[in-house]
């Protein structure tokens, strides 16, 4: 479970880096990108809560 948390966190950081590069280039972030970011955040939060409860 711990490795799953690390993988999700790395994916989240990578996706956020891509979005930041869009903003720095002056491109607009597509609206669906916010949904994907929220989904990854929710998945990470759910995984952390499940991991904490199982300990």
C-alpha atoms as a PDB file:
ATOM      1  CA  UNK A   1       0.000   0.000   0.000  1.00  0.00           C
ATOM      2  CA  UNK A   2       2.864   2.352   0.788  1.00  0.00           C
ATOM      3  CA  UNK A   3       4.300   1.917  -2.713  1.00  0.00           C
ATOM      4  CA  UNK A   4       0.895   2.673  -4.202  1.00  0.00           C
ATOM      5  CA  UNK A   5       0.844   5.943  -2.254  1.00  0.00           C
ATOM      6  CA  UNK A   6       4.270   6.847  -3.569  1.00  0.00           C
ATOM      7  CA  UNK A   7       3.252   6.098  -7.172  1.00  0.00           C
ATOM      8  CA  UNK A   8       0.104   8.216  -6.904  1.00  0.00           C
ATOM      9  CA  UNK A   9       2.046  11.080  -5.296  1.00  0.00           C
ATOM     10  CA  UNK A  10       4.665  11.001  -8.065  1.00  0.00           C
ATOM     11  CA  UNK A  11       1.934  10.993 -10.719  1.00  0.00           C
ATOM     12  CA  UNK A  12       0.278  13.947  -9.020  1.00  0.00           C
ATOM     13  CA  UNK A  13       3.523  15.914  -8.861  1.00  0.00           C
ATOM     14  CA  UNK A  14       4.323  15.116 -12.496  1.00  0.00           C
ATOM     15  CA  UNK A  15       0.876  16.183 -13.652  1.00  0.00           C
ATOM     16  CA  UNK A  16       1.113  19.406 -11.651  1.00  0.00           C
ATOM     17  CA  UNK A  17       4.513  20.091 -13.254  1.00  0.00           C
ATOM     18  CA  UNK A  18       2.962  19.699 -16.710  1.00  0.00           C
ATOM     19  CA  UNK A  19       0.198  22.145 -15.801  1.00  0.00           C
ATOM     20  CA  UNK A  20       2.747  24.648 -14.465  1.00  0.00           C
ATOM     21  CA  UNK A  21       4.711  24.392 -17.715  1.00  0.00           C
ATOM     22  CA  UNK A  22       1.500  25.198 -19.626  1.00  0.00           C
ATOM     23  CA  UNK A  23       0.976  28.310 -17.542  1.00  0.00           C
ATOM     24  CA  UNK A  24       4.580  29.435 -17.940  1.00  0.00           C
ATOM     25  CA  UNK A  25       4.303  29.153 -21.720  1.00  0.00           C
ATOM     26  CA  UNK A  26       1.188  31.298 -21.643  1.00  0.00           C
ATOM     27  CA  UNK A  27      -1.208  28.526 -22.659  1.00  0.00           C
ATOM     28  CA  UNK A  28      -4.560  28.135 -20.985  1.00  0.00           C
ATOM     29  CA  UNK A  29      -5.157  25.011 -18.938  1.00  0.00           C
ATOM     30  CA  UNK A  30      -8.020  22.948 -20.389  1.00  0.00           C
ATOM     31  CA  UNK A  31     -11.032  22.608 -18.068  1.00  0.00           C
ATOM     32  CA  UNK A  32     -10.757  18.811 -18.014  1.00  0.00           C
ATOM     33  CA  UNK A  33      -7.270  19.169 -16.504  1.00  0.00           C
ATOM     34  CA  UNK A  34      -8.836  20.441 -13.302  1.00  0.00           C
ATOM     35  CA  UNK A  35     -11.036  17.337 -13.124  1.00  0.00           C
ATOM     36  CA  UNK A  36      -8.037  15.052 -13.579  1.00  0.00           C
ATOM     37  CA  UNK A  37      -6.127  16.963 -10.896  1.00  0.00           C
ATOM     38  CA  UNK A  38      -9.083  16.700  -8.528  1.00  0.00           C
ATOM     39  CA  UNK A  39      -9.382  12.986  -9.282  1.00  0.00           C
ATOM     40  CA  UNK A  40      -5.724  12.340  -8.511  1.00  0.00           C
ATOM     41  CA  UNK A  41      -6.014  14.354  -5.306  1.00  0.00           C
ATOM     42  CA  UNK A  42      -9.102  12.390  -4.287  1.00  0.00           C
ATOM     43  CA  UNK A  43      -7.414   9.089  -5.066  1.00  0.00           C
ATOM     44  CA  UNK A  44      -4.384  10.071  -2.999  1.00  0.00           C
ATOM     45  CA  UNK A  45      -6.566  11.202  -0.096  1.00  0.00           C
ATOM     46  CA  UNK A  46      -8.621   8.006  -0.177  1.00  0.00           C
ATOM     47  CA  UNK A  47      -5.465   5.880  -0.280  1.00  0.00           C
ATOM     48  CA  UNK A  48      -3.911   7.746   2.656  1.00  0.00           C
ATOM     49  CA  UNK A  49      -7.090   7.356   4.696  1.00  0.00           C
ATOM     50  CA  UNK A  50      -7.336   3.637   3.863  1.00  0.00           C
ATOM     51  CA  UNK A  51      -3.685   3.156   4.768  1.00  0.00           C
ATOM     52  CA  UNK A  52      -4.116   5.037   8.056  1.00  0.00           C
ATOM     53  CA  UNK A  53      -7.228   3.067   9.026  1.00  0.00           C
ATOM     54  CA  UNK A  54      -5.590  -0.278   8.230  1.00  0.00           C
ATOM     55  CA  UNK A  55      -2.603   0.427  10.507  1.00  0.00           C
END
